Amino acid sequence: MPEKLRRSSTLTLNWEREGLVKWLGSVDDMPSLLRQSHIACLPSWYREGLPKFLAEAAASGLPAVTCDVVGCRAAVRDGVTGI
């Protein structure tokens, strides 16, 4: 496992233990989950084109918090539709 991914996984597990995040695993009903959410968060350093999750979140009217990388940058207008 690459070092950056290992650190990210460790942080996520620690945040879950502390009650800061809830790890859901695979979700089949994304529209229902987005209706229950206050924000969409995609911490990604991959250059993956336009992430489908950010497009779904935007269609649901959710503000997005994401990283300043190709694809994510294209999906969010900083200070307007998210940060």
C-alpha atoms as a PDB file:
ATOM      1  CA  MET A   1       0.000   0.000   0.000  1.00  0.00           C
ATOM      2  CA  PRO A   2       1.442   3.416  -0.934  1.00  0.00           C
ATOM      3  CA  GLU A   3       2.485   5.526   2.063  1.00  0.00           C
ATOM      4  CA  LYS A   4      -0.015   8.314   1.299  1.00  0.00           C
ATOM      5  CA  LEU A   5      -2.905   5.826   1.125  1.00  0.00           C
ATOM      6  CA  ARG A   6      -1.763   4.063   4.318  1.00  0.00           C
ATOM      7  CA  ARG A   7      -1.696   7.366   6.237  1.00  0.00           C
ATOM      8  CA  SER A   8      -5.117   8.300   4.864  1.00  0.00           C
ATOM      9  CA  SER A   9      -6.600   4.935   5.895  1.00  0.00           C
ATOM     10  CA  THR A  10      -5.109   5.233   9.377  1.00  0.00           C
ATOM     11  CA  LEU A  11      -6.516   8.751   9.810  1.00  0.00           C
ATOM     12  CA  THR A  12      -9.963   7.643   8.652  1.00  0.00           C
ATOM     13  CA  LEU A  13     -10.001   4.708  11.078  1.00  0.00           C
ATOM     14  CA  ASN A  14      -8.899   6.976  13.943  1.00  0.00           C
ATOM     15  CA  TRP A  15     -11.598   9.532  13.114  1.00  0.00           C
ATOM     16  CA  GLU A  16     -14.206   6.774  13.079  1.00  0.00           C
ATOM     17  CA  ARG A  17     -13.068   5.483  16.504  1.00  0.00           C
ATOM     18  CA  GLU A  18     -13.309   9.049  17.848  1.00  0.00           C
ATOM     19  CA  GLY A  19     -16.839   9.441  16.464  1.00  0.00           C
ATOM     20  CA  LEU A  20     -15.834  12.200  14.028  1.00  0.00           C
ATOM     21  CA  VAL A  21     -16.826  10.299  10.880  1.00  0.00           C
ATOM     22  CA  LYS A  22     -19.014   7.339  10.096  1.00  0.00           C
ATOM     23  CA  TRP A  23     -17.612   4.818   7.607  1.00  0.00           C
ATOM     24  CA  LEU A  24     -20.520   3.434   5.576  1.00  0.00           C
ATOM     25  CA  GLY A  25     -18.685   1.173   3.162  1.00  0.00           C
ATOM     26  CA  SER A  26     -20.480   0.509  -0.104  1.00  0.00           C
ATOM     27  CA  VAL A  27     -23.759   2.427  -0.525  1.00  0.00           C
ATOM     28  CA  ASP A  28     -26.373   1.310  -3.059  1.00  0.00           C
ATOM     29  CA  ASP A  29     -28.859   4.181  -2.651  1.00  0.00           C
ATOM     30  CA  MET A  30     -26.743   7.298  -3.161  1.00  0.00           C
ATOM     31  CA  PRO A  31     -29.696   9.716  -3.663  1.00  0.00           C
ATOM     32  CA  SER A  32     -31.091   8.726  -0.258  1.00  0.00           C
ATOM     33  CA  LEU A  33     -27.704   9.168   1.411  1.00  0.00           C
ATOM     34  CA  LEU A  34     -27.205  12.588  -0.172  1.00  0.00           C
ATOM     35  CA  ARG A  35     -30.654  13.725   1.021  1.00  0.00           C
ATOM     36  CA  GLN A  36     -29.508  12.967   4.584  1.00  0.00           C
ATOM     37  CA  SER A  37     -26.211  14.860   4.193  1.00  0.00           C
ATOM     38  CA  HIS A  38     -25.251  18.457   4.917  1.00  0.00           C
ATOM     39  CA  ILE A  39     -22.138  18.533   2.693  1.00  0.00           C
ATOM     40  CA  ALA A  40     -20.354  16.357   0.177  1.00  0.00           C
ATOM     41  CA  CYS A  41     -16.720  15.676   1.030  1.00  0.00           C
ATOM     42  CA  LEU A  42     -14.253  14.081  -1.377  1.00  0.00           C
ATOM     43  CA  PRO A  43     -10.655  14.241  -0.149  1.00  0.00           C
ATOM     44  CA  SER A  44      -8.940  12.962  -3.279  1.00  0.00           C
ATOM     45  CA  TRP A  45      -5.466  13.384  -4.674  1.00  0.00           C
ATOM     46  CA  TYR A  46      -6.156  11.221  -7.734  1.00  0.00           C
ATOM     47  CA  ARG A  47      -6.464  12.807 -11.165  1.00  0.00           C
ATOM     48  CA  GLU A  48      -9.634  10.978 -12.052  1.00  0.00           C
ATOM     49  CA  GLY A  49     -11.459  13.329 -14.379  1.00  0.00           C
ATOM     50  CA  LEU A  50     -14.771  14.614 -13.055  1.00  0.00           C
ATOM     51  CA  PRO A  51     -15.619  12.463 -10.011  1.00  0.00           C
ATOM     52  CA  LYS A  52     -19.145  11.044 -10.321  1.00  0.00           C
ATOM     53  CA  PHE A  53     -19.710  11.638  -6.607  1.00  0.00           C
ATOM     54  CA  LEU A  54     -19.197  15.403  -6.961  1.00  0.00           C
ATOM     55  CA  ALA A  55     -21.576  15.505  -9.924  1.00  0.00           C
ATOM     56  CA  GLU A  56     -24.221  13.618  -7.893  1.00  0.00           C
ATOM     57  CA  ALA A  57     -23.690  15.935  -4.934  1.00  0.00           C
ATOM     58  CA  ALA A  58     -24.052  19.026  -7.132  1.00  0.00           C
ATOM     59  CA  ALA A  59     -27.268  17.620  -8.623  1.00  0.00           C
ATOM     60  CA  SER A  60     -28.532  17.224  -5.050  1.00  0.00           C
ATOM     61  CA  GLY A  61     -27.687  20.839  -4.243  1.00  0.00           C
ATOM     62  CA  LEU A  62     -25.008  19.994  -1.682  1.00  0.00           C
ATOM     63  CA  PRO A  63     -21.961  22.187  -1.153  1.00  0.00           C
ATOM     64  CA  ALA A  64     -18.749  20.246  -1.713  1.00  0.00           C
ATOM     65  CA  VAL A  65     -15.476  20.131   0.164  1.00  0.00           C
ATOM     66  CA  THR A  66     -12.723  18.657  -1.972  1.00  0.00           C
ATOM     67  CA  CYS A  67      -9.071  18.964  -2.936  1.00  0.00           C
ATOM     68  CA  ASP A  68      -7.564  21.337  -5.470  1.00  0.00           C
ATOM     69  CA  VAL A  69      -6.764  18.701  -8.113  1.00  0.00           C
ATOM     70  CA  VAL A  70      -7.796  18.200 -11.718  1.00  0.00           C
ATOM     71  CA  GLY A  71     -11.392  16.952 -11.915  1.00  0.00           C
ATOM     72  CA  CYS A  72     -12.343  18.026  -8.423  1.00  0.00           C
ATOM     73  CA  ARG A  73     -11.371  21.593  -9.295  1.00  0.00           C
ATOM     74  CA  ALA A  74     -13.643  21.462 -12.343  1.00  0.00           C
ATOM     75  CA  ALA A  75     -16.633  20.332 -10.264  1.00  0.00           C
ATOM     76  CA  VAL A  76     -16.519  23.041  -7.585  1.00  0.00           C
ATOM     77  CA  ARG A  77     -16.543  26.826  -7.867  1.00  0.00           C
ATOM     78  CA  ASP A  78     -14.512  27.870  -4.811  1.00  0.00           C
ATOM     79  CA  GLY A  79     -16.637  29.875  -2.403  1.00  0.00           C
ATOM     80  CA  VAL A  80     -19.766  29.399  -4.537  1.00  0.00           C
ATOM     81  CA  THR A  81     -20.626  25.706  -4.736  1.00  0.00           C
ATOM     82  CA  GLY A  82     -18.073  24.574  -2.180  1.00  0.00           C
ATOM     83  CA  ILE A  83     -14.464  24.840  -1.130  1.00  0.00           C
END
